[in-house]
PDB file of N, CA and C in Angstrom:
ATOM      1  N   UNK A   1      30.587 -18.317   0.106  1.00  0.00           N
ATOM      2  CA  UNK A   1      30.578 -17.276  -0.904  1.00  0.00           C
ATOM      3  C   UNK A   1      29.149 -16.768  -1.163  1.00  0.00           C
ATOM      4  N   UNK A   2      28.197 -17.669  -1.239  1.00  0.00           N
ATOM      5  CA  UNK A   2      26.798 -17.267  -1.438  1.00  0.00           C
ATOM      6  C   UNK A   2      26.304 -16.477  -0.233  1.00  0.00           C
ATOM      7  N   UNK A   3      26.708 -16.920   0.967  1.00  0.00           N
ATOM      8  CA  UNK A   3      26.312 -16.208   2.182  1.00  0.00           C
ATOM      9  C   UNK A   3      26.881 -14.791   2.179  1.00  0.00           C
ATOM     10  N   UNK A   4      28.095 -14.661   1.730  1.00  0.00           N
ATOM     11  CA  UNK A   4      28.750 -13.354   1.658  1.00  0.00           C
ATOM     12  C   UNK A   4      28.003 -12.428   0.690  1.00  0.00           C
ATOM     13  N   UNK A   5      27.568 -12.969  -0.430  1.00  0.00           N
ATOM     14  CA  UNK A   5      26.804 -12.179  -1.406  1.00  0.00           C
ATOM     15  C   UNK A   5      25.473 -11.741  -0.801  1.00  0.00           C
ATOM     16  N   UNK A   6      24.814 -12.637  -0.070  1.00  0.00           N
ATOM     17  CA  UNK A   6      23.543 -12.291   0.578  1.00  0.00           C
ATOM     18  C   UNK A   6      23.752 -11.206   1.630  1.00  0.00           C
ATOM     19  N   UNK A   7      24.843 -11.309   2.397  1.00  0.00           N
ATOM     20  CA  UNK A   7      25.162 -10.282   3.396  1.00  0.00           C
ATOM     21  C   UNK A   7      25.400  -8.928   2.727  1.00  0.00           C
ATOM     22  N   UNK A   8      26.119  -8.941   1.627  1.00  0.00           N
ATOM     23  CA  UNK A   8      26.372  -7.695   0.894  1.00  0.00           C
ATOM     24  C   UNK A   8      25.068  -7.102   0.354  1.00  0.00           C
ATOM     25  N   UNK A   9      24.189  -7.949  -0.121  1.00  0.00           N
ATOM     26  CA  UNK A   9      22.899  -7.476  -0.643  1.00  0.00           C
ATOM     27  C   UNK A   9      22.054  -6.864   0.482  1.00  0.00           C
ATOM     28  N   UNK A  10      22.046  -7.496   1.659  1.00  0.00           N
ATOM     29  CA  UNK A  10      21.321  -6.936   2.810  1.00  0.00           C
ATOM     30  C   UNK A  10      21.901  -5.581   3.208  1.00  0.00           C
ATOM     31  N   UNK A  11      23.217  -5.493   3.236  1.00  0.00           N
ATOM     32  CA  UNK A  11      23.878  -4.228   3.563  1.00  0.00           C
ATOM     33  C   UNK A  11      23.520  -3.160   2.539  1.00  0.00           C
ATOM     34  N   UNK A  12      23.501  -3.538   1.294  1.00  0.00           N
ATOM     35  CA  UNK A  12      23.137  -2.605   0.217  1.00  0.00           C
ATOM     36  C   UNK A  12      21.707  -2.099   0.402  1.00  0.00           C
ATOM     37  N   UNK A  13      20.774  -3.001   0.712  1.00  0.00           N
ATOM     38  CA  UNK A  13      19.376  -2.612   0.904  1.00  0.00           C
ATOM     39  C   UNK A  13      19.228  -1.662   2.102  1.00  0.00           C
ATOM     40  N   UNK A  14      19.965  -1.921   3.170  1.00  0.00           N
ATOM     41  CA  UNK A  14      19.924  -1.034   4.337  1.00  0.00           C
ATOM     42  C   UNK A  14      20.440   0.357   3.977  1.00  0.00           C
ATOM     43  N   UNK A  15      21.522   0.410   3.217  1.00  0.00           N
ATOM     44  CA  UNK A  15      22.076   1.702   2.798  1.00  0.00           C
ATOM     45  C   UNK A  15      21.105   2.454   1.889  1.00  0.00           C
ATOM     46  N   UNK A  16      20.457   1.741   0.993  1.00  0.00           N
ATOM     47  CA  UNK A  16      19.465   2.379   0.119  1.00  0.00           C
ATOM     48  C   UNK A  16      18.315   2.936   0.950  1.00  0.00           C
ATOM     49  N   UNK A  17      17.864   2.193   1.957  1.00  0.00           N
ATOM     50  CA  UNK A  17      16.782   2.666   2.828  1.00  0.00           C
ATOM     51  C   UNK A  17      17.208   3.921   3.584  1.00  0.00           C
ATOM     52  N   UNK A  18      18.422   3.946   4.088  1.00  0.00           N
ATOM     53  CA  UNK A  18      18.930   5.133   4.789  1.00  0.00           C
ATOM     54  C   UNK A  18      19.009   6.336   3.855  1.00  0.00           C
ATOM     55  N   UNK A  19      19.481   6.097   2.640  1.00  0.00           N
ATOM     56  CA  UNK A  19      19.570   7.194   1.666  1.00  0.00           C
ATOM     57  C   UNK A  19      18.182   7.750   1.359  1.00  0.00           C
ATOM     58  N   UNK A  20      17.179   6.890   1.294  1.00  0.00           N
ATOM     59  CA  UNK A  20      15.806   7.324   1.026  1.00  0.00           C
ATOM     60  C   UNK A  20      15.291   8.205   2.166  1.00  0.00           C
ATOM     61  N   UNK A  21      15.566   7.811   3.406  1.00  0.00           N
ATOM     62  CA  UNK A  21      15.153   8.612   4.562  1.00  0.00           C
ATOM     63  C   UNK A  21      15.809   9.983   4.513  1.00  0.00           C
ATOM     64  N   UNK A  22      17.091  10.032   4.237  1.00  0.00           N
ATOM     65  CA  UNK A  22      17.815  11.309   4.159  1.00  0.00           C
ATOM     66  C   UNK A  22      17.260  12.167   3.031  1.00  0.00           C
ATOM     67  N   UNK A  23      16.991  11.558   1.897  1.00  0.00           N
ATOM     68  CA  UNK A  23      16.429  12.293   0.764  1.00  0.00           C
ATOM     69  C   UNK A  23      15.060  12.873   1.112  1.00  0.00           C
ATOM     70  N   UNK A  24      14.214  12.086   1.784  1.00  0.00           N
ATOM     71  CA  UNK A  24      12.892  12.572   2.190  1.00  0.00           C
ATOM     72  C   UNK A  24      13.011  13.740   3.169  1.00  0.00           C
ATOM     73  N   UNK A  25      13.959  13.659   4.087  1.00  0.00           N
ATOM     74  CA  UNK A  25      14.170  14.763   5.031  1.00  0.00           C
ATOM     75  C   UNK A  25      14.629  16.027   4.307  1.00  0.00           C
ATOM     76  N   UNK A  26      15.506  15.879   3.347  1.00  0.00           N
ATOM     77  CA  UNK A  26      15.989  17.035   2.581  1.00  0.00           C
ATOM     78  C   UNK A  26      14.841  17.695   1.819  1.00  0.00           C
ATOM     79  N   UNK A  27      13.957  16.887   1.249  1.00  0.00           N
ATOM     80  CA  UNK A  27      12.828  17.419   0.485  1.00  0.00           C
ATOM     81  C   UNK A  27      11.843  18.132   1.408  1.00  0.00           C
ATOM     82  N   UNK A  28      11.609  17.583   2.602  1.00  0.00           N
ATOM     83  CA  UNK A  28      10.593  18.152   3.493  1.00  0.00           C
ATOM     84  C   UNK A  28      11.099  19.329   4.323  1.00  0.00           C
ATOM     85  N   UNK A  29      12.393  19.575   4.330  1.00  0.00           N
ATOM     86  CA  UNK A  29      12.940  20.657   5.159  1.00  0.00           C
ATOM     87  C   UNK A  29      12.316  22.019   4.850  1.00  0.00           C
ATOM     88  N   UNK A  30      12.228  22.449   3.587  1.00  0.00           N
ATOM     89  CA  UNK A  30      11.621  23.758   3.331  1.00  0.00           C
ATOM     90  C   UNK A  30      10.120  23.791   3.624  1.00  0.00           C
ATOM     91  N   UNK A  31       9.472  22.638   3.607  1.00  0.00           N
ATOM     92  CA  UNK A  31       8.034  22.605   3.859  1.00  0.00           C
ATOM     93  C   UNK A  31       7.703  23.047   5.276  1.00  0.00           C
ATOM     94  N   UNK A  32       8.504  22.665   6.254  1.00  0.00           N
ATOM     95  CA  UNK A  32       8.222  23.056   7.633  1.00  0.00           C
ATOM     96  C   UNK A  32       8.377  24.558   7.811  1.00  0.00           C
ATOM     97  N   UNK A  33       9.306  25.151   7.077  1.00  0.00           N
ATOM     98  CA  UNK A  33       9.476  26.612   7.128  1.00  0.00           C
ATOM     99  C   UNK A  33       8.214  27.291   6.603  1.00  0.00           C
ATOM    100  N   UNK A  34       7.706  26.813   5.474  1.00  0.00           N
ATOM    101  CA  UNK A  34       6.467  27.369   4.923  1.00  0.00           C
ATOM    102  C   UNK A  34       5.303  27.166   5.894  1.00  0.00           C
ATOM    103  N   UNK A  35       5.247  25.997   6.521  1.00  0.00           N
ATOM    104  CA  UNK A  35       4.164  25.711   7.459  1.00  0.00           C
ATOM    105  C   UNK A  35       4.175  26.697   8.625  1.00  0.00           C
ATOM    106  N   UNK A  36       5.329  26.921   9.229  1.00  0.00           N
ATOM    107  CA  UNK A  36       5.394  27.851  10.354  1.00  0.00           C
ATOM    108  C   UNK A  36       5.063  29.276   9.918  1.00  0.00           C
ATOM    109  N   UNK A  37       5.522  29.663   8.751  1.00  0.00           N
ATOM    110  CA  UNK A  37       5.180  30.981   8.220  1.00  0.00           C
ATOM    111  C   UNK A  37       3.671  31.102   8.040  1.00  0.00           C
ATOM    112  N   UNK A  38       3.063  30.065   7.524  1.00  0.00           N
ATOM    113  CA  UNK A  38       1.616  30.075   7.292  1.00  0.00           C
ATOM    114  C   UNK A  38       0.847  30.055   8.609  1.00  0.00           C
ATOM    115  N   UNK A  39       1.350  29.337   9.602  1.00  0.00           N
ATOM    116  CA  UNK A  39       0.685  29.315  10.907  1.00  0.00           C
ATOM    117  C   UNK A  39       0.579  30.719  11.491  1.00  0.00           C
ATOM    118  N   UNK A  40       1.631  31.491  11.343  1.00  0.00           N
ATOM    119  CA  UNK A  40       1.625  32.870  11.839  1.00  0.00           C
ATOM    120  C   UNK A  40       0.618  33.715  11.064  1.00  0.00           C
ATOM    121  N   UNK A  41       0.538  33.483   9.770  1.00  0.00           N
ATOM    122  CA  UNK A  41      -0.334  34.277   8.903  1.00  0.00           C
ATOM    123  C   UNK A  41      -1.809  34.024   9.177  1.00  0.00           C
ATOM    124  N   UNK A  42      -2.197  32.786   9.444  1.00  0.00           N
ATOM    125  CA  UNK A  42      -3.622  32.453   9.550  1.00  0.00           C
ATOM    126  C   UNK A  42      -4.216  32.659  10.942  1.00  0.00           C
ATOM    127  N   UNK A  43      -3.397  32.830  11.970  1.00  0.00           N
ATOM    128  CA  UNK A  43      -3.942  33.044  13.314  1.00  0.00           C
ATOM    129  C   UNK A  43      -4.579  34.431  13.376  1.00  0.00           C
ATOM    130  N   UNK A  44      -5.875  34.507  13.687  1.00  0.00           N
ATOM    131  CA  UNK A  44      -6.527  35.819  13.740  1.00  0.00           C
ATOM    132  C   UNK A  44      -6.149  36.579  15.013  1.00  0.00           C
ATOM    133  N   UNK A  45      -6.350  37.890  14.986  1.00  0.00           N
ATOM    134  CA  UNK A  45      -6.177  38.684  16.201  1.00  0.00           C
ATOM    135  C   UNK A  45      -7.115  38.126  17.265  1.00  0.00           C
ATOM    136  N   UNK A  46      -6.652  38.103  18.489  1.00  0.00           N
ATOM    137  CA  UNK A  46      -7.484  37.600  19.574  1.00  0.00           C
ATOM    138  C   UNK A  46      -7.359  36.098  19.782  1.00  0.00           C
ATOM    139  N   UNK A  47      -6.409  35.470  19.105  1.00  0.00           N
ATOM    140  CA  UNK A  47      -6.174  34.037  19.283  1.00  0.00           C
ATOM    141  C   UNK A  47      -4.670  33.785  19.270  1.00  0.00           C
ATOM    142  N   UNK A  48      -4.244  32.745  19.970  1.00  0.00           N
ATOM    143  CA  UNK A  48      -2.836  32.359  19.931  1.00  0.00           C
ATOM    144  C   UNK A  48      -2.708  30.870  20.216  1.00  0.00           C
ATOM    145  N   UNK A  49      -1.593  30.303  19.776  1.00  0.00           N
ATOM    146  CA  UNK A  49      -1.327  28.883  19.976  1.00  0.00           C
ATOM    147  C   UNK A  49      -0.507  28.672  21.238  1.00  0.00           C
ATOM    148  N   UNK A  50      -0.818  27.605  21.953  1.00  0.00           N
ATOM    149  CA  UNK A  50      -0.037  27.227  23.125  1.00  0.00           C
ATOM    150  C   UNK A  50       0.785  25.969  22.876  1.00  0.00           C
ATOM    151  N   UNK A  51       0.381  25.180  21.866  1.00  0.00           N
ATOM    152  CA  UNK A  51       1.102  23.936  21.577  1.00  0.00           C
ATOM    153  C   UNK A  51       0.815  23.501  20.144  1.00  0.00           C
ATOM    154  N   UNK A  52       1.831  22.915  19.523  1.00  0.00           N
ATOM    155  CA  UNK A  52       1.700  22.341  18.187  1.00  0.00           C
ATOM    156  C   UNK A  52       2.381  20.984  18.208  1.00  0.00           C
ATOM    157  N   UNK A  53       1.670  19.961  17.753  1.00  0.00           N
ATOM    158  CA  UNK A  53       2.228  18.614  17.675  1.00  0.00           C
ATOM    159  C   UNK A  53       2.076  18.143  16.234  1.00  0.00           C
ATOM    160  N   UNK A  54       3.182  17.662  15.648  1.00  0.00           N
ATOM    161  CA  UNK A  54       3.151  17.153  14.281  1.00  0.00           C
ATOM    162  C   UNK A  54       3.419  15.658  14.306  1.00  0.00           C
ATOM    163  N   UNK A  55       2.529  14.921  13.653  1.00  0.00           N
ATOM    164  CA  UNK A  55       2.706  13.476  13.486  1.00  0.00           C
ATOM    165  C   UNK A  55       2.540  13.180  12.007  1.00  0.00           C
ATOM    166  N   UNK A  56       3.661  13.027  11.332  1.00  0.00           N
ATOM    167  CA  UNK A  56       3.597  12.846   9.887  1.00  0.00           C
ATOM    168  C   UNK A  56       3.032  14.104   9.253  1.00  0.00           C
ATOM    169  N   UNK A  57       1.996  13.947   8.457  1.00  0.00           N
ATOM    170  CA  UNK A  57       1.361  15.094   7.819  1.00  0.00           C
ATOM    171  C   UNK A  57       0.192  15.652   8.599  1.00  0.00           C
ATOM    172  N   UNK A  58      -0.028  15.154   9.823  1.00  0.00           N
ATOM    173  CA  UNK A  58      -1.132  15.639  10.651  1.00  0.00           C
ATOM    174  C   UNK A  58      -0.609  16.555  11.745  1.00  0.00           C
ATOM    175  N   UNK A  59      -1.395  17.587  12.042  1.00  0.00           N
ATOM    176  CA  UNK A  59      -1.035  18.540  13.088  1.00  0.00           C
ATOM    177  C   UNK A  59      -2.146  18.614  14.117  1.00  0.00           C
ATOM    178  N   UNK A  60      -1.761  18.798  15.363  1.00  0.00           N
ATOM    179  CA  UNK A  60      -2.702  19.079  16.439  1.00  0.00           C
ATOM    180  C   UNK A  60      -2.297  20.432  17.007  1.00  0.00           C
ATOM    181  N   UNK A  61      -3.229  21.389  16.993  1.00  0.00           N
ATOM    182  CA  UNK A  61      -2.973  22.732  17.496  1.00  0.00           C
ATOM    183  C   UNK A  61      -3.802  22.962  18.744  1.00  0.00           C
ATOM    184  N   UNK A  62      -3.167  23.386  19.817  1.00  0.00           N
ATOM    185  CA  UNK A  62      -3.863  23.803  21.027  1.00  0.00           C
ATOM    186  C   UNK A  62      -3.664  25.296  21.165  1.00  0.00           C
ATOM    187  N   UNK A  63      -4.701  25.987  21.625  1.00  0.00           N
ATOM    188  CA  UNK A  63      -4.562  27.420  21.773  1.00  0.00           C
ATOM    189  C   UNK A  63      -5.673  28.031  22.595  1.00  0.00           C
ATOM    190  N   UNK A  64      -5.651  29.348  22.625  1.00  0.00           N
ATOM    191  CA  UNK A  64      -6.668  30.133  23.336  1.00  0.00           C
ATOM    192  C   UNK A  64      -7.168  31.229  22.424  1.00  0.00           C
ATOM    193  N   UNK A  65      -8.421  31.597  22.631  1.00  0.00           N
ATOM    194  CA  UNK A  65      -9.023  32.656  21.825  1.00  0.00           C
ATOM    195  C   UNK A  65      -9.970  33.463  22.698  1.00  0.00           C
ATOM    196  N   UNK A  66     -10.213  34.698  22.278  1.00  0.00           N
ATOM    197  CA  UNK A  66     -11.109  35.568  23.029  1.00  0.00           C
ATOM    198  C   UNK A  66     -12.555  35.107  22.943  1.00  0.00           C
ATOM    199  N   UNK A  67     -12.891  34.385  21.880  1.00  0.00           N
ATOM    200  CA  UNK A  67     -14.272  33.932  21.711  1.00  0.00           C
ATOM    201  C   UNK A  67     -14.314  32.745  20.761  1.00  0.00           C
ATOM    202  N   UNK A  68     -15.467  32.105  20.723  1.00  0.00           N
ATOM    203  CA  UNK A  68     -15.666  31.008  19.774  1.00  0.00           C
ATOM    204  C   UNK A  68     -15.610  31.516  18.340  1.00  0.00           C
ATOM    205  N   UNK A  69     -16.021  32.765  18.126  1.00  0.00           N
ATOM    206  CA  UNK A  69     -15.986  33.348  16.781  1.00  0.00           C
ATOM    207  C   UNK A  69     -14.546  33.437  16.267  1.00  0.00           C
ATOM    208  N   UNK A  70     -13.601  33.710  17.150  1.00  0.00           N
ATOM    209  CA  UNK A  70     -12.184  33.753  16.740  1.00  0.00           C
ATOM    210  C   UNK A  70     -11.703  32.365  16.308  1.00  0.00           C
ATOM    211  N   UNK A  71     -12.146  31.342  17.006  1.00  0.00           N
ATOM    212  CA  UNK A  71     -11.784  29.970  16.635  1.00  0.00           C
ATOM    213  C   UNK A  71     -12.382  29.636  15.268  1.00  0.00           C
ATOM    214  N   UNK A  72     -13.618  30.050  15.055  1.00  0.00           N
ATOM    215  CA  UNK A  72     -14.271  29.824  13.764  1.00  0.00           C
ATOM    216  C   UNK A  72     -13.515  30.527  12.636  1.00  0.00           C
ATOM    217  N   UNK A  73     -13.099  31.761  12.877  1.00  0.00           N
ATOM    218  CA  UNK A  73     -12.304  32.505  11.893  1.00  0.00           C
ATOM    219  C   UNK A  73     -10.991  31.781  11.622  1.00  0.00           C
ATOM    220  N   UNK A  74     -10.377  31.288  12.661  1.00  0.00           N
ATOM    221  CA  UNK A  74      -9.121  30.555  12.521  1.00  0.00           C
ATOM    222  C   UNK A  74      -9.304  29.324  11.632  1.00  0.00           C
ATOM    223  N   UNK A  75     -10.382  28.596  11.860  1.00  0.00           N
ATOM    224  CA  UNK A  75     -10.649  27.403  11.054  1.00  0.00           C
ATOM    225  C   UNK A  75     -10.887  27.761   9.586  1.00  0.00           C
ATOM    226  N   UNK A  76     -11.593  28.856   9.321  1.00  0.00           N
ATOM    227  CA  UNK A  76     -11.806  29.299   7.935  1.00  0.00           C
ATOM    228  C   UNK A  76     -10.477  29.699   7.292  1.00  0.00           C
ATOM    229  N   UNK A  77      -9.623  30.383   8.051  1.00  0.00           N
ATOM    230  CA  UNK A  77      -8.308  30.773   7.528  1.00  0.00           C
ATOM    231  C   UNK A  77      -7.461  29.546   7.189  1.00  0.00           C
ATOM    232  N   UNK A  78      -7.519  28.533   8.037  1.00  0.00           N
ATOM    233  CA  UNK A  78      -6.776  27.295   7.771  1.00  0.00           C
ATOM    234  C   UNK A  78      -7.296  26.639   6.500  1.00  0.00           C
ATOM    235  N   UNK A  79      -8.611  26.582   6.358  1.00  0.00           N
ATOM    236  CA  UNK A  79      -9.212  25.957   5.170  1.00  0.00           C
ATOM    237  C   UNK A  79      -8.795  26.684   3.895  1.00  0.00           C
ATOM    238  N   UNK A  80      -8.605  28.001   3.976  1.00  0.00           N
ATOM    239  CA  UNK A  80      -8.219  28.795   2.804  1.00  0.00           C
ATOM    240  C   UNK A  80      -6.717  28.742   2.518  1.00  0.00           C
ATOM    241  N   UNK A  81      -5.946  28.194   3.430  1.00  0.00           N
ATOM    242  CA  UNK A  81      -4.490  28.152   3.281  1.00  0.00           C
ATOM    243  C   UNK A  81      -4.061  27.095   2.267  1.00  0.00           C
ATOM    244  N   UNK A  82      -3.039  27.403   1.451  1.00  0.00           N
ATOM    245  CA  UNK A  82      -2.524  26.383   0.540  1.00  0.00           C
ATOM    246  C   UNK A  82      -1.659  25.332   1.251  1.00  0.00           C
ATOM    247  N   UNK A  83      -1.254  25.590   2.495  1.00  0.00           N
ATOM    248  CA  UNK A  83      -0.346  24.695   3.216  1.00  0.00           C
ATOM    249  C   UNK A  83      -1.037  23.832   4.260  1.00  0.00           C
ATOM    250  N   UNK A  84      -2.318  24.119   4.542  1.00  0.00           N
ATOM    251  CA  UNK A  84      -3.060  23.364   5.555  1.00  0.00           C
ATOM    252  C   UNK A  84      -4.462  23.108   5.033  1.00  0.00           C
ATOM    253  N   UNK A  85      -5.077  22.046   5.566  1.00  0.00           N
ATOM    254  CA  UNK A  85      -6.397  21.690   5.078  1.00  0.00           C
ATOM    255  C   UNK A  85      -7.138  20.887   6.136  1.00  0.00           C
ATOM    256  N   UNK A  86      -8.428  20.790   5.967  1.00  0.00           N
ATOM    257  CA  UNK A  86      -9.288  19.897   6.736  1.00  0.00           C
ATOM    258  C   UNK A  86      -9.213  20.126   8.249  1.00  0.00           C
ATOM    259  N   UNK A  87      -9.413  21.382   8.722  1.00  0.00           N
ATOM    260  CA  UNK A  87      -9.389  21.608  10.166  1.00  0.00           C
ATOM    261  C   UNK A  87     -10.611  20.980  10.832  1.00  0.00           C
ATOM    262  N   UNK A  88     -10.380  20.303  11.932  1.00  0.00           N
ATOM    263  CA  UNK A  88     -11.465  19.699  12.704  1.00  0.00           C
ATOM    264  C   UNK A  88     -11.319  20.148  14.150  1.00  0.00           C
ATOM    265  N   UNK A  89     -12.388  20.702  14.677  1.00  0.00           N
ATOM    266  CA  UNK A  89     -12.395  21.152  16.064  1.00  0.00           C
ATOM    267  C   UNK A  89     -12.606  19.935  16.955  1.00  0.00           C
ATOM    268  N   UNK A  90     -11.619  19.632  17.755  1.00  0.00           N
ATOM    269  CA  UNK A  90     -11.724  18.479  18.638  1.00  0.00           C
ATOM    270  C   UNK A  90     -12.250  18.900  20.013  1.00  0.00           C
ATOM    271  N   UNK A  91     -11.752  20.017  20.526  1.00  0.00           N
ATOM    272  CA  UNK A  91     -12.147  20.481  21.859  1.00  0.00           C
ATOM    273  C   UNK A  91     -12.307  21.993  21.823  1.00  0.00           C
ATOM    274  N   UNK A  92     -13.351  22.489  22.464  1.00  0.00           N
ATOM    275  CA  UNK A  92     -13.448  23.919  22.755  1.00  0.00           C
ATOM    276  C   UNK A  92     -14.091  24.040  24.129  1.00  0.00           C
ATOM    277  N   UNK A  93     -13.457  24.787  24.995  1.00  0.00           N
ATOM    278  CA  UNK A  93     -13.951  24.981  26.352  1.00  0.00           C
ATOM    279  C   UNK A  93     -14.004  26.467  26.630  1.00  0.00           C
ATOM    280  N   UNK A  94     -15.137  26.903  27.149  1.00  0.00           N
ATOM    281  CA  UNK A  94     -15.301  28.310  27.494  1.00  0.00           C
ATOM    282  C   UNK A  94     -15.111  28.482  28.987  1.00  0.00           C
ATOM    283  N   UNK A  95     -14.293  29.452  29.345  1.00  0.00           N
ATOM    284  CA  UNK A  95     -14.123  29.780  30.753  1.00  0.00           C
ATOM    285  C   UNK A  95     -15.328  30.587  31.212  1.00  0.00           C
ATOM    286  N   UNK A  96     -15.414  30.809  32.488  1.00  0.00           N
ATOM    287  CA  UNK A  96     -16.513  31.582  33.063  1.00  0.00           C
ATOM    288  C   UNK A  96     -16.564  32.957  32.409  1.00  0.00           C
ATOM    289  N   UNK A  97     -17.678  33.274  31.788  1.00  0.00           N
ATOM    290  CA  UNK A  97     -17.819  34.549  31.084  1.00  0.00           C
ATOM    291  C   UNK A  97     -17.812  35.741  32.042  1.00  0.00           C
ATOM    292  N   UNK A  98     -18.058  35.510  33.329  1.00  0.00           N
ATOM    293  CA  UNK A  98     -18.044  36.606  34.300  1.00  0.00           C
ATOM    294  C   UNK A  98     -16.633  36.940  34.775  1.00  0.00           C
ATOM    295  N   UNK A  99     -15.677  36.092  34.451  1.00  0.00           N
ATOM    296  CA  UNK A  99     -14.307  36.367  34.889  1.00  0.00           C
ATOM    297  C   UNK A  99     -13.696  37.449  34.008  1.00  0.00           C
ATOM    298  N   UNK A 100     -12.610  38.005  34.453  1.00  0.00           N
ATOM    299  CA  UNK A 100     -11.956  39.068  33.691  1.00  0.00           C
ATOM    300  C   UNK A 100     -10.891  38.511  32.746  1.00  0.00           C
ATOM    301  N   UNK A 101     -10.880  37.211  32.540  1.00  0.00           N
ATOM    302  CA  UNK A 101      -9.879  36.604  31.658  1.00  0.00           C
ATOM    303  C   UNK A 101     -10.100  37.058  30.222  1.00  0.00           C
ATOM    304  N   UNK A 102      -9.047  37.571  29.609  1.00  0.00           N
ATOM    305  CA  UNK A 102      -9.150  38.069  28.235  1.00  0.00           C
ATOM    306  C   UNK A 102      -9.305  36.920  27.245  1.00  0.00           C
ATOM    307  N   UNK A 103      -8.698  35.799  27.538  1.00  0.00           N
ATOM    308  CA  UNK A 103      -8.773  34.651  26.634  1.00  0.00           C
ATOM    309  C   UNK A 103      -9.742  33.633  27.223  1.00  0.00           C
ATOM    310  N   UNK A 104     -10.998  33.680  26.772  1.00  0.00           N
ATOM    311  CA  UNK A 104     -12.030  32.899  27.430  1.00  0.00           C
ATOM    312  C   UNK A 104     -12.260  31.517  26.833  1.00  0.00           C
ATOM    313  N   UNK A 105     -11.692  31.196  25.676  1.00  0.00           N
ATOM    314  CA  UNK A 105     -11.895  29.880  25.066  1.00  0.00           C
ATOM    315  C   UNK A 105     -10.561  29.179  24.858  1.00  0.00           C
ATOM    316  N   UNK A 106     -10.500  27.925  25.269  1.00  0.00           N
ATOM    317  CA  UNK A 106      -9.356  27.100  24.898  1.00  0.00           C
ATOM    318  C   UNK A 106      -9.847  26.125  23.834  1.00  0.00           C
ATOM    319  N   UNK A 107      -8.984  25.800  22.887  1.00  0.00           N
ATOM    320  CA  UNK A 107      -9.411  24.944  21.786  1.00  0.00           C
ATOM    321  C   UNK A 107      -8.308  23.979  21.384  1.00  0.00           C
ATOM    322  N   UNK A 108      -8.741  22.937  20.687  1.00  0.00           N
ATOM    323  CA  UNK A 108      -7.803  21.997  20.075  1.00  0.00           C
ATOM    324  C   UNK A 108      -8.323  21.678  18.677  1.00  0.00           C
ATOM    325  N   UNK A 109      -7.448  21.855  17.695  1.00  0.00           N
ATOM    326  CA  UNK A 109      -7.781  21.593  16.300  1.00  0.00           C
ATOM    327  C   UNK A 109      -6.878  20.502  15.747  1.00  0.00           C
ATOM    328  N   UNK A 110      -7.453  19.647  14.935  1.00  0.00           N
ATOM    329  CA  UNK A 110      -6.678  18.699  14.131  1.00  0.00           C
ATOM    330  C   UNK A 110      -6.719  19.204  12.703  1.00  0.00           C
ATOM    331  N   UNK A 111      -5.604  19.101  11.994  1.00  0.00           N
ATOM    332  CA  UNK A 111      -5.593  19.489  10.591  1.00  0.00           C
ATOM    333  C   UNK A 111      -4.527  18.707   9.851  1.00  0.00           C
ATOM    334  N   UNK A 112      -4.551  18.851   8.548  1.00  0.00           N
ATOM    335  CA  UNK A 112      -3.633  18.121   7.683  1.00  0.00           C
ATOM    336  C   UNK A 112      -2.713  19.116   6.992  1.00  0.00           C
ATOM    337  N   UNK A 113      -1.419  18.836   7.033  1.00  0.00           N
ATOM    338  CA  UNK A 113      -0.447  19.652   6.308  1.00  0.00           C
ATOM    339  C   UNK A 113      -0.426  19.177   4.862  1.00  0.00           C
ATOM    340  N   UNK A 114      -0.500  20.121   3.936  1.00  0.00           N
ATOM    341  CA  UNK A 114      -0.443  19.778   2.515  1.00  0.00           C
ATOM    342  C   UNK A 114       0.677  20.568   1.859  1.00  0.00           C
ATOM    343  N   UNK A 115       1.109  20.096   0.712  1.00  0.00           N
ATOM    344  CA  UNK A 115       2.124  20.795  -0.072  1.00  0.00           C
ATOM    345  C   UNK A 115       1.451  21.280  -1.346  1.00  0.00           C
ATOM    346  N   UNK A 116       1.429  22.609  -1.566  1.00  0.00           N
ATOM    347  CA  UNK A 116       0.822  23.115  -2.802  1.00  0.00           C
ATOM    348  C   UNK A 116       1.494  22.497  -4.023  1.00  0.00           C
ATOM    349  N   UNK A 117       0.740  22.351  -5.093  1.00  0.00           N
ATOM    350  CA  UNK A 117       1.263  21.686  -6.293  1.00  0.00           C
ATOM    351  C   UNK A 117       2.517  22.351  -6.833  1.00  0.00           C
ATOM    352  N   UNK A 118       2.587  23.688  -6.779  1.00  0.00           N
ATOM    353  CA  UNK A 118       3.775  24.362  -7.314  1.00  0.00           C
ATOM    354  C   UNK A 118       4.998  24.142  -6.434  1.00  0.00           C
ATOM    355  N   UNK A 119       4.800  23.705  -5.177  1.00  0.00           N
ATOM    356  CA  UNK A 119       5.915  23.450  -4.261  1.00  0.00           C
ATOM    357  C   UNK A 119       6.258  21.967  -4.164  1.00  0.00           C
ATOM    358  N   UNK A 120       5.437  21.119  -4.735  1.00  0.00           N
ATOM    359  CA  UNK A 120       5.641  19.674  -4.602  1.00  0.00           C
ATOM    360  C   UNK A 120       6.975  19.268  -5.225  1.00  0.00           C
ATOM    361  N   UNK A 121       7.676  18.316  -4.572  1.00  0.00           N
ATOM    362  CA  UNK A 121       8.951  17.857  -5.130  1.00  0.00           C
ATOM    363  C   UNK A 121       8.732  17.157  -6.462  1.00  0.00           C
ATOM    364  N   UNK A 122       9.704  17.324  -7.325  1.00  0.00           N
ATOM    365  CA  UNK A 122       9.602  16.736  -8.659  1.00  0.00           C
ATOM    366  C   UNK A 122      10.290  15.406  -8.715  1.00  0.00           C
TER     367      UNK A 122
END
């Protein structure tokens, strides 16, 4: 009988943990929509993303830009965003400036996804 009670308690704890995961997913669902909307807004003309990787609240953005100045503008736009913060340039590579390639810089940025206070779950 005691073993049965312990088994029921373990089952209860597992169900509570599952409910917590589902609740967290429900809360974060609208946040990803805002994030993608903001990503489109902050990308300057002359730059585009080729890859986005999300790990928890951290993002890794890979992309191309016409110049290093466009990457710098992109980083300033991210810093000013209410949904993203702390951009760090991990990689920037310039292609041969004599080539006719329109997108001469490839870059990789790390940043943190944030939730503005007015959007934070209650």
